[in-house]
């Protein structure tokens, strides 16, 4: 299955793929949760997970001398990945 562009959709699609032993490939879903092979063993992606992007943003903020910031996020696989 060439998967969805939203992590919140790719998660459930991957679970269906697991039941049918079908691989799921996403070109856009970036949730770090989807990297957990114990939950999503048939899922693969062509982009890095959010955890790498969040780390890069935090490094830039640190380099700029920021000492506080806020995170607003949607409570789904995509948003939670950034908040963590």
C-alpha atoms as a PDB file:
ATOM      1  CA  UNK A   1       0.000   0.000   0.000  1.00  0.00           C
ATOM      2  CA  UNK A   2       1.422   3.387  -0.931  1.00  0.00           C
ATOM      3  CA  UNK A   3       0.213   5.155   2.127  1.00  0.00           C
ATOM      4  CA  UNK A   4      -1.423   8.277   3.327  1.00  0.00           C
ATOM      5  CA  UNK A   5       0.251  11.635   3.710  1.00  0.00           C
ATOM      6  CA  UNK A   6      -0.955  12.061   7.308  1.00  0.00           C
ATOM      7  CA  UNK A   7       0.553  10.097  10.154  1.00  0.00           C
ATOM      8  CA  UNK A   8      -2.866   9.917  11.810  1.00  0.00           C
ATOM      9  CA  UNK A   9      -4.096   7.945   8.783  1.00  0.00           C
ATOM     10  CA  UNK A  10      -0.923   5.931   8.134  1.00  0.00           C
ATOM     11  CA  UNK A  11      -1.051   4.437  11.647  1.00  0.00           C
ATOM     12  CA  UNK A  12      -4.450   2.736  11.229  1.00  0.00           C
ATOM     13  CA  UNK A  13      -3.698   1.795   7.597  1.00  0.00           C
ATOM     14  CA  UNK A  14      -0.477   0.155   8.778  1.00  0.00           C
ATOM     15  CA  UNK A  15      -2.383  -1.849  11.383  1.00  0.00           C
ATOM     16  CA  UNK A  16      -4.691  -3.138   8.637  1.00  0.00           C
ATOM     17  CA  UNK A  17      -1.622  -3.940   6.552  1.00  0.00           C
ATOM     18  CA  UNK A  18      -0.237  -5.907   9.478  1.00  0.00           C
ATOM     19  CA  UNK A  19      -3.352  -8.098   9.607  1.00  0.00           C
ATOM     20  CA  UNK A  20      -3.114  -8.818   5.871  1.00  0.00           C
ATOM     21  CA  UNK A  21       0.722  -9.016   5.846  1.00  0.00           C
ATOM     22  CA  UNK A  22       0.856  -6.087   3.413  1.00  0.00           C
ATOM     23  CA  UNK A  23       3.664  -3.529   3.566  1.00  0.00           C
ATOM     24  CA  UNK A  24       2.694   0.133   3.886  1.00  0.00           C
ATOM     25  CA  UNK A  25       4.980   2.826   2.467  1.00  0.00           C
ATOM     26  CA  UNK A  26       4.432   6.516   3.139  1.00  0.00           C
ATOM     27  CA  UNK A  27       6.156   9.387   1.403  1.00  0.00           C
ATOM     28  CA  UNK A  28       4.918  12.013   3.872  1.00  0.00           C
ATOM     29  CA  UNK A  29       3.996  10.550   7.295  1.00  0.00           C
ATOM     30  CA  UNK A  30       6.618  11.697   9.788  1.00  0.00           C
ATOM     31  CA  UNK A  31       5.354  10.673  13.228  1.00  0.00           C
ATOM     32  CA  UNK A  32       8.142   9.137  15.312  1.00  0.00           C
ATOM     33  CA  UNK A  33       5.575   6.694  16.746  1.00  0.00           C
ATOM     34  CA  UNK A  34       5.409   5.000  13.345  1.00  0.00           C
ATOM     35  CA  UNK A  35       9.066   3.979  13.795  1.00  0.00           C
ATOM     36  CA  UNK A  36       8.063   1.541  16.546  1.00  0.00           C
ATOM     37  CA  UNK A  37       8.388  -1.809  14.738  1.00  0.00           C
ATOM     38  CA  UNK A  38       6.666  -3.657  17.589  1.00  0.00           C
ATOM     39  CA  UNK A  39       3.461  -1.765  16.728  1.00  0.00           C
ATOM     40  CA  UNK A  40       3.945  -1.003  13.015  1.00  0.00           C
ATOM     41  CA  UNK A  41       6.154  -3.828  11.651  1.00  0.00           C
ATOM     42  CA  UNK A  42       4.979  -3.409   8.045  1.00  0.00           C
ATOM     43  CA  UNK A  43       5.387   0.387   7.902  1.00  0.00           C
ATOM     44  CA  UNK A  44       8.175   2.172   6.042  1.00  0.00           C
ATOM     45  CA  UNK A  45       8.672   5.763   4.965  1.00  0.00           C
ATOM     46  CA  UNK A  46      10.813   7.823   2.625  1.00  0.00           C
ATOM     47  CA  UNK A  47      11.153  10.862   4.916  1.00  0.00           C
ATOM     48  CA  UNK A  48      12.770  11.210   8.360  1.00  0.00           C
ATOM     49  CA  UNK A  49      10.620  11.137  11.517  1.00  0.00           C
ATOM     50  CA  UNK A  50       9.539  14.302  13.353  1.00  0.00           C
ATOM     51  CA  UNK A  51      11.990  13.613  16.152  1.00  0.00           C
ATOM     52  CA  UNK A  52      14.878  14.611  13.867  1.00  0.00           C
ATOM     53  CA  UNK A  53      13.126  17.819  12.781  1.00  0.00           C
ATOM     54  CA  UNK A  54      12.243  18.724  16.368  1.00  0.00           C
ATOM     55  CA  UNK A  55      15.854  18.143  17.449  1.00  0.00           C
ATOM     56  CA  UNK A  56      17.100  20.451  14.670  1.00  0.00           C
ATOM     57  CA  UNK A  57      14.621  23.186  15.649  1.00  0.00           C
ATOM     58  CA  UNK A  58      15.621  22.930  19.321  1.00  0.00           C
ATOM     59  CA  UNK A  59      19.301  23.160  18.348  1.00  0.00           C
ATOM     60  CA  UNK A  60      18.653  26.327  16.342  1.00  0.00           C
ATOM     61  CA  UNK A  61      16.721  27.898  19.226  1.00  0.00           C
ATOM     62  CA  UNK A  62      19.545  27.035  21.616  1.00  0.00           C
ATOM     63  CA  UNK A  63      22.107  28.532  19.212  1.00  0.00           C
ATOM     64  CA  UNK A  64      20.026  31.729  19.004  1.00  0.00           C
ATOM     65  CA  UNK A  65      20.015  31.968  22.795  1.00  0.00           C
ATOM     66  CA  UNK A  66      16.323  31.328  23.298  1.00  0.00           C
ATOM     67  CA  UNK A  67      15.609  30.091  26.799  1.00  0.00           C
ATOM     68  CA  UNK A  68      11.846  29.583  26.565  1.00  0.00           C
ATOM     69  CA  UNK A  69       9.290  28.632  23.935  1.00  0.00           C
ATOM     70  CA  UNK A  70       5.804  27.126  23.691  1.00  0.00           C
ATOM     71  CA  UNK A  71       4.558  24.207  21.666  1.00  0.00           C
ATOM     72  CA  UNK A  72       1.005  24.083  20.321  1.00  0.00           C
ATOM     73  CA  UNK A  73       0.039  20.799  18.717  1.00  0.00           C
ATOM     74  CA  UNK A  74      -2.844  18.679  17.539  1.00  0.00           C
ATOM     75  CA  UNK A  75      -3.405  15.530  19.595  1.00  0.00           C
ATOM     76  CA  UNK A  76      -2.710  12.924  16.899  1.00  0.00           C
ATOM     77  CA  UNK A  77       0.316  10.860  15.818  1.00  0.00           C
ATOM     78  CA  UNK A  78       1.830  13.840  13.992  1.00  0.00           C
ATOM     79  CA  UNK A  79       1.378  16.527  16.648  1.00  0.00           C
ATOM     80  CA  UNK A  80       2.323  14.398  19.635  1.00  0.00           C
ATOM     81  CA  UNK A  81       5.630  13.523  17.956  1.00  0.00           C
ATOM     82  CA  UNK A  82       6.687  17.165  17.974  1.00  0.00           C
ATOM     83  CA  UNK A  83       5.479  17.801  21.502  1.00  0.00           C
ATOM     84  CA  UNK A  84       7.554  14.987  22.925  1.00  0.00           C
END
